[in-house]
Amino acid sequence: MTKTVLKVDGMSCPMCSAKVEKNLLEVSGVTSVAVDHKRGMAAVTHENVKDEDLIAAVLEAGFRAKVKSGLFG
């Protein structure tokens, strides 16, 4: 299992979080998702999923995302 943390821009409410979570869970290989709209973060646990596929799922939900790198990335 791999854990990827995404920085998600544009989320402002719990409904935003739910939409991002739903889209990420639909990606084949994703096993769990935790989204925090206040911090603008999504933690995704998965098996062999490309970063681009995770970012595309967030984009499809109507938000922008990038892989968070390092402690402050």
Protein backbone atom coordinates (compact mmCIF):
# COMPACT_ATOMS: atom_id res chain seq x y z
CA MET A 1 0.00 0.00 0.00
CA THR A 2 1.09 3.52 -0.78
CA LYS A 3 -0.12 6.73 0.80
CA THR A 4 -0.24 9.91 -1.28
CA VAL A 5 -1.14 13.29 0.17
CA LEU A 6 -2.69 15.81 -2.17
CA LYS A 7 -2.97 19.56 -1.69
CA VAL A 8 -6.46 20.41 -2.96
CA ASP A 9 -7.35 24.00 -3.84
CA GLY A 10 -10.87 25.39 -3.78
CA MET A 11 -12.63 23.25 -1.18
CA SER A 12 -14.72 25.38 1.18
CA CYS A 13 -17.22 23.05 2.84
CA PRO A 14 -17.95 19.46 3.87
CA MET A 15 -19.85 18.90 0.62
CA CYS A 16 -16.66 19.76 -1.28
CA SER A 17 -14.78 17.17 0.77
CA ALA A 18 -17.44 14.56 0.08
CA LYS A 19 -17.29 15.17 -3.67
CA VAL A 20 -13.49 14.87 -3.74
CA GLU A 21 -13.62 11.74 -1.56
CA LYS A 22 -16.25 10.12 -3.80
CA ASN A 23 -14.24 10.77 -6.97
CA LEU A 24 -11.00 9.50 -5.47
CA LEU A 25 -12.67 6.31 -4.19
CA GLU A 26 -13.86 5.60 -7.74
CA VAL A 27 -10.26 5.35 -8.97
CA SER A 28 -9.30 1.71 -9.40
CA GLY A 29 -6.73 0.72 -6.78
CA VAL A 30 -7.72 3.34 -4.19
CA THR A 31 -8.54 1.67 -0.88
CA SER A 32 -9.22 4.63 1.42
CA VAL A 33 -9.46 8.42 1.37
CA ALA A 34 -9.47 11.06 4.11
CA VAL A 35 -10.27 14.61 3.02
CA ASP A 36 -9.98 17.75 5.15
CA HIS A 37 -11.51 20.79 3.44
CA LYS A 38 -10.26 23.18 6.13
CA ARG A 39 -6.64 22.20 5.53
CA GLY A 40 -7.14 21.59 1.80
CA MET A 41 -5.71 18.10 1.98
CA ALA A 42 -6.63 14.61 0.81
CA ALA A 43 -4.76 11.53 2.06
CA VAL A 44 -5.18 8.60 -0.32
CA THR A 45 -4.17 5.01 0.38
CA HIS A 46 -3.81 2.95 -2.78
CA GLU A 47 -2.09 0.19 -4.68
CA ASN A 48 -0.20 1.16 -7.83
CA VAL A 49 -2.19 4.28 -8.72
CA LYS A 50 -0.40 7.02 -10.64
CA ASP A 51 -0.36 10.53 -9.17
CA GLU A 52 -1.84 11.79 -12.44
CA ASP A 53 -4.90 9.57 -11.98
CA LEU A 54 -5.51 10.92 -8.48
CA ILE A 55 -5.12 14.50 -9.68
CA ALA A 56 -7.49 13.83 -12.60
CA ALA A 57 -10.15 12.51 -10.18
CA VAL A 58 -9.91 15.70 -8.11
CA LEU A 59 -10.06 17.82 -11.26
CA GLU A 60 -13.17 15.93 -12.35
CA ALA A 61 -14.74 16.88 -8.99
CA GLY A 62 -14.14 20.53 -9.88
CA PHE A 63 -10.99 21.26 -7.85
CA ARG A 64 -7.26 21.60 -8.47
CA ALA A 65 -4.73 19.31 -6.81
CA LYS A 66 -1.05 18.57 -6.66
CA VAL A 67 0.99 16.01 -4.77
CA LYS A 68 2.20 17.41 -1.49
CA SER A 69 5.93 16.93 -1.14
CA GLY A 70 7.92 17.22 2.06
CA LEU A 71 6.63 18.72 5.30
CA PHE A 72 5.63 22.05 3.84
CA GLY A 73 5.11 21.22 0.15
